[in-house]
C-alpha cells in the first residue's frame, strides 16, 4: 500500500483539527485556502490572456 504526500497532509490536518486548538486551526486553514485560491486565480488569468 503506497501512501501519497497528499494523504499525509490530510491526515495531519484531520488530527490537528481533532486534537489541536480548533480556533487557531480554522484561522490557519482559511488563510491557506485563500492563498491557494489566489494562486490558482493568478495562474488562470495568465493562461487566459
PDB file of N, CA and C in Angstrom:
ATOM      1  N   UNK A   1       0.840  -1.196   0.000  1.00  0.00           N
ATOM      2  CA  UNK A   1       0.000   0.000   0.000  1.00  0.00           C
ATOM      3  C   UNK A   1       0.876   1.247   0.000  1.00  0.00           C
ATOM      4  N   UNK A   2       0.704   2.057  -1.020  1.00  0.00           N
ATOM      5  CA  UNK A   2       1.501   3.281  -1.106  1.00  0.00           C
ATOM      6  C   UNK A   2       0.769   4.426  -0.436  1.00  0.00           C
ATOM      7  N   UNK A   3       1.524   5.247   0.267  1.00  0.00           N
ATOM      8  CA  UNK A   3       0.957   6.420   0.937  1.00  0.00           C
ATOM      9  C   UNK A   3       1.441   7.656   0.192  1.00  0.00           C
ATOM     10  N   UNK A   4       0.493   8.443  -0.299  1.00  0.00           N
ATOM     11  CA  UNK A   4       0.844   9.639  -1.047  1.00  0.00           C
ATOM     12  C   UNK A   4       1.131  10.810  -0.131  1.00  0.00           C
ATOM     13  N   UNK A   5       1.797  11.813  -0.685  1.00  0.00           N
ATOM     14  CA  UNK A   5       2.133  13.012   0.075  1.00  0.00           C
ATOM     15  C   UNK A   5       0.866  13.746   0.494  1.00  0.00           C
ATOM     16  N   UNK A   6      -0.125  13.787  -0.388  1.00  0.00           N
ATOM     17  CA  UNK A   6      -1.385  14.462  -0.074  1.00  0.00           C
ATOM     18  C   UNK A   6      -2.127  13.786   1.060  1.00  0.00           C
ATOM     19  N   UNK A   7      -2.074  12.453   1.105  1.00  0.00           N
ATOM     20  CA  UNK A   7      -2.745  11.723   2.176  1.00  0.00           C
ATOM     21  C   UNK A   7      -2.131  12.052   3.527  1.00  0.00           C
ATOM     22  N   UNK A   8      -0.815  12.206   3.570  1.00  0.00           N
ATOM     23  CA  UNK A   8      -0.134  12.552   4.817  1.00  0.00           C
ATOM     24  C   UNK A   8      -0.580  13.930   5.281  1.00  0.00           C
ATOM     25  N   UNK A   9      -0.664  14.887   4.354  1.00  0.00           N
ATOM     26  CA  UNK A   9      -1.085  16.243   4.708  1.00  0.00           C
ATOM     27  C   UNK A   9      -2.511  16.222   5.242  1.00  0.00           C
ATOM     28  N   UNK A  10      -3.399  15.476   4.573  1.00  0.00           N
ATOM     29  CA  UNK A  10      -4.792  15.399   5.017  1.00  0.00           C
ATOM     30  C   UNK A  10      -4.870  14.770   6.403  1.00  0.00           C
ATOM     31  N   UNK A  11      -4.089  13.727   6.647  1.00  0.00           N
ATOM     32  CA  UNK A  11      -4.083  13.090   7.965  1.00  0.00           C
ATOM     33  C   UNK A  11      -3.635  14.069   9.040  1.00  0.00           C
ATOM     34  N   UNK A  12      -2.579  14.836   8.761  1.00  0.00           N
ATOM     35  CA  UNK A  12      -2.077  15.810   9.729  1.00  0.00           C
ATOM     36  C   UNK A  12      -3.136  16.860  10.014  1.00  0.00           C
ATOM     37  N   UNK A  13      -3.810  17.339   8.958  1.00  0.00           N
ATOM     38  CA  UNK A  13      -4.843  18.357   9.141  1.00  0.00           C
ATOM     39  C   UNK A  13      -5.984  17.804   9.984  1.00  0.00           C
ATOM     40  N   UNK A  14      -6.424  16.575   9.689  1.00  0.00           N
ATOM     41  CA  UNK A  14      -7.535  15.981  10.440  1.00  0.00           C
ATOM     42  C   UNK A  14      -7.149  15.791  11.903  1.00  0.00           C
ATOM     43  N   UNK A  15      -5.953  15.277  12.151  1.00  0.00           N
ATOM     44  CA  UNK A  15      -5.519  15.077  13.532  1.00  0.00           C
ATOM     45  C   UNK A  15      -5.403  16.411  14.263  1.00  0.00           C
ATOM     46  N   UNK A  16      -4.910  17.437  13.577  1.00  0.00           N
ATOM     47  CA  UNK A  16      -4.773  18.745  14.203  1.00  0.00           C
ATOM     48  C   UNK A  16      -6.139  19.334  14.515  1.00  0.00           C
ATOM     49  N   UNK A  17      -7.114  19.130  13.600  1.00  0.00           N
ATOM     50  CA  UNK A  17      -8.464  19.628  13.852  1.00  0.00           C
ATOM     51  C   UNK A  17      -9.098  18.898  15.030  1.00  0.00           C
ATOM     52  N   UNK A  18      -8.855  17.595  15.138  1.00  0.00           N
ATOM     53  CA  UNK A  18      -9.482  16.827  16.208  1.00  0.00           C
ATOM     54  C   UNK A  18      -8.846  17.134  17.561  1.00  0.00           C
ATOM     55  N   UNK A  19      -7.524  17.194  17.607  1.00  0.00           N
ATOM     56  CA  UNK A  19      -6.843  17.273  18.892  1.00  0.00           C
ATOM     57  C   UNK A  19      -6.208  18.629  19.177  1.00  0.00           C
ATOM     58  N   UNK A  20      -6.049  19.455  18.147  1.00  0.00           N
ATOM     59  CA  UNK A  20      -5.410  20.746  18.348  1.00  0.00           C
ATOM     60  C   UNK A  20      -6.399  21.821  18.758  1.00  0.00           C
ATOM     61  N   UNK A  21      -5.946  23.045  18.787  1.00  0.00           N
ATOM     62  CA  UNK A  21      -6.807  24.179  19.099  1.00  0.00           C
ATOM     63  C   UNK A  21      -7.655  24.486  17.871  1.00  0.00           C
ATOM     64  N   UNK A  22      -8.974  24.368  18.016  1.00  0.00           N
ATOM     65  CA  UNK A  22      -9.855  24.471  16.852  1.00  0.00           C
ATOM     66  C   UNK A  22      -9.828  25.866  16.242  1.00  0.00           C
ATOM     67  N   UNK A  23      -9.826  26.904  17.074  1.00  0.00           N
ATOM     68  CA  UNK A  23      -9.897  28.269  16.537  1.00  0.00           C
ATOM     69  C   UNK A  23      -8.653  28.608  15.718  1.00  0.00           C
ATOM     70  N   UNK A  24      -7.478  28.301  16.243  1.00  0.00           N
ATOM     71  CA  UNK A  24      -6.247  28.615  15.505  1.00  0.00           C
ATOM     72  C   UNK A  24      -6.155  27.763  14.242  1.00  0.00           C
ATOM     73  N   UNK A  25      -6.630  26.523  14.313  1.00  0.00           N
ATOM     74  CA  UNK A  25      -6.594  25.655  13.135  1.00  0.00           C
ATOM     75  C   UNK A  25      -7.499  26.207  12.042  1.00  0.00           C
ATOM     76  N   UNK A  26      -8.689  26.668  12.419  1.00  0.00           N
ATOM     77  CA  UNK A  26      -9.607  27.223  11.421  1.00  0.00           C
ATOM     78  C   UNK A  26      -9.011  28.471  10.790  1.00  0.00           C
ATOM     79  N   UNK A  27      -8.391  29.333  11.600  1.00  0.00           N
ATOM     80  CA  UNK A  27      -7.772  30.547  11.057  1.00  0.00           C
ATOM     81  C   UNK A  27      -6.665  30.184  10.071  1.00  0.00           C
ATOM     82  N   UNK A  28      -5.824  29.236  10.445  1.00  0.00           N
ATOM     83  CA  UNK A  28      -4.729  28.837   9.552  1.00  0.00           C
ATOM     84  C   UNK A  28      -5.271  28.232   8.270  1.00  0.00           C
ATOM     85  N   UNK A  29      -6.303  27.390   8.382  1.00  0.00           N
ATOM     86  CA  UNK A  29      -6.862  26.738   7.196  1.00  0.00           C
ATOM     87  C   UNK A  29      -7.477  27.765   6.257  1.00  0.00           C
ATOM     88  N   UNK A  30      -8.184  28.769   6.814  1.00  0.00           N
ATOM     89  CA  UNK A  30      -8.792  29.773   5.940  1.00  0.00           C
ATOM     90  C   UNK A  30      -7.706  30.583   5.248  1.00  0.00           C
ATOM     91  N   UNK A  31      -6.627  30.903   5.952  1.00  0.00           N
ATOM     92  CA  UNK A  31      -5.530  31.657   5.334  1.00  0.00           C
ATOM     93  C   UNK A  31      -4.900  30.829   4.212  1.00  0.00           C
ATOM     94  N   UNK A  32      -4.661  29.551   4.468  1.00  0.00           N
ATOM     95  CA  UNK A  32      -4.026  28.692   3.462  1.00  0.00           C
ATOM     96  C   UNK A  32      -4.925  28.532   2.249  1.00  0.00           C
ATOM     97  N   UNK A  33      -6.225  28.321   2.475  1.00  0.00           N
ATOM     98  CA  UNK A  33      -7.133  28.141   1.341  1.00  0.00           C
ATOM     99  C   UNK A  33      -7.231  29.428   0.528  1.00  0.00           C
ATOM    100  N   UNK A  34      -7.203  30.584   1.185  1.00  0.00           N
ATOM    101  CA  UNK A  34      -7.232  31.852   0.447  1.00  0.00           C
ATOM    102  C   UNK A  34      -5.975  32.001  -0.404  1.00  0.00           C
ATOM    103  N   UNK A  35      -4.821  31.637   0.149  1.00  0.00           N
ATOM    104  CA  UNK A  35      -3.582  31.731  -0.616  1.00  0.00           C
ATOM    105  C   UNK A  35      -3.616  30.802  -1.821  1.00  0.00           C
ATOM    106  N   UNK A  36      -4.132  29.586  -1.625  1.00  0.00           N
ATOM    107  CA  UNK A  36      -4.209  28.631  -2.735  1.00  0.00           C
ATOM    108  C   UNK A  36      -5.150  29.150  -3.808  1.00  0.00           C
ATOM    109  N   UNK A  37      -6.307  29.683  -3.397  1.00  0.00           N
ATOM    110  CA  UNK A  37      -7.268  30.209  -4.366  1.00  0.00           C
ATOM    111  C   UNK A  37      -6.667  31.379  -5.145  1.00  0.00           C
ATOM    112  N   UNK A  38      -5.972  32.284  -4.462  1.00  0.00           N
ATOM    113  CA  UNK A  38      -5.335  33.416  -5.143  1.00  0.00           C
ATOM    114  C   UNK A  38      -4.292  32.923  -6.139  1.00  0.00           C
ATOM    115  N   UNK A  39      -3.535  31.902  -5.754  1.00  0.00           N
ATOM    116  CA  UNK A  39      -2.500  31.359  -6.627  1.00  0.00           C
ATOM    117  C   UNK A  39      -3.115  30.801  -7.904  1.00  0.00           C
ATOM    118  N   UNK A  40      -4.200  30.025  -7.760  1.00  0.00           N
ATOM    119  CA  UNK A  40      -4.828  29.439  -8.944  1.00  0.00           C
ATOM    120  C   UNK A  40      -5.485  30.511  -9.802  1.00  0.00           C
ATOM    121  N   UNK A  41      -6.076  31.537  -9.181  1.00  0.00           N
ATOM    122  CA  UNK A  41      -6.705  32.602  -9.956  1.00  0.00           C
ATOM    123  C   UNK A  41      -5.657  33.352 -10.770  1.00  0.00           C
ATOM    124  N   UNK A  42      -4.498  33.619 -10.194  1.00  0.00           N
ATOM    125  CA  UNK A  42      -3.435  34.300 -10.934  1.00  0.00           C
ATOM    126  C   UNK A  42      -2.959  33.435 -12.098  1.00  0.00           C
ATOM    127  N   UNK A  43      -2.821  32.130 -11.858  1.00  0.00           N
ATOM    128  CA  UNK A  43      -2.390  31.227 -12.928  1.00  0.00           C
ATOM    129  C   UNK A  43      -3.405  31.216 -14.061  1.00  0.00           C
ATOM    130  N   UNK A  44      -4.686  31.130 -13.712  1.00  0.00           N
ATOM    131  CA  UNK A  44      -5.728  31.077 -14.730  1.00  0.00           C
ATOM    132  C   UNK A  44      -5.765  32.371 -15.534  1.00  0.00           C
ATOM    133  N   UNK A  45      -5.555  33.499 -14.873  1.00  0.00           N
ATOM    134  CA  UNK A  45      -5.554  34.776 -15.584  1.00  0.00           C
ATOM    135  C   UNK A  45      -4.402  34.829 -16.586  1.00  0.00           C
ATOM    136  N   UNK A  46      -3.226  34.350 -16.180  1.00  0.00           N
ATOM    137  CA  UNK A  46      -2.078  34.368 -17.090  1.00  0.00           C
ATOM    138  C   UNK A  46      -2.341  33.480 -18.300  1.00  0.00           C
ATOM    139  N   UNK A  47      -2.943  32.317 -18.075  1.00  0.00           N
ATOM    140  CA  UNK A  47      -3.221  31.411 -19.181  1.00  0.00           C
ATOM    141  C   UNK A  47      -4.275  32.009 -20.110  1.00  0.00           C
ATOM    142  N   UNK A  48      -5.236  32.747 -19.556  1.00  0.00           N
ATOM    143  CA  UNK A  48      -6.336  33.269 -20.361  1.00  0.00           C
ATOM    144  C   UNK A  48      -5.905  34.374 -21.299  1.00  0.00           C
ATOM    145  N   UNK A  49      -4.908  35.170 -20.915  1.00  0.00           N
ATOM    146  CA  UNK A  49      -4.528  36.317 -21.742  1.00  0.00           C
ATOM    147  C   UNK A  49      -3.571  35.906 -22.845  1.00  0.00           C
TER     148      UNK A  49
END
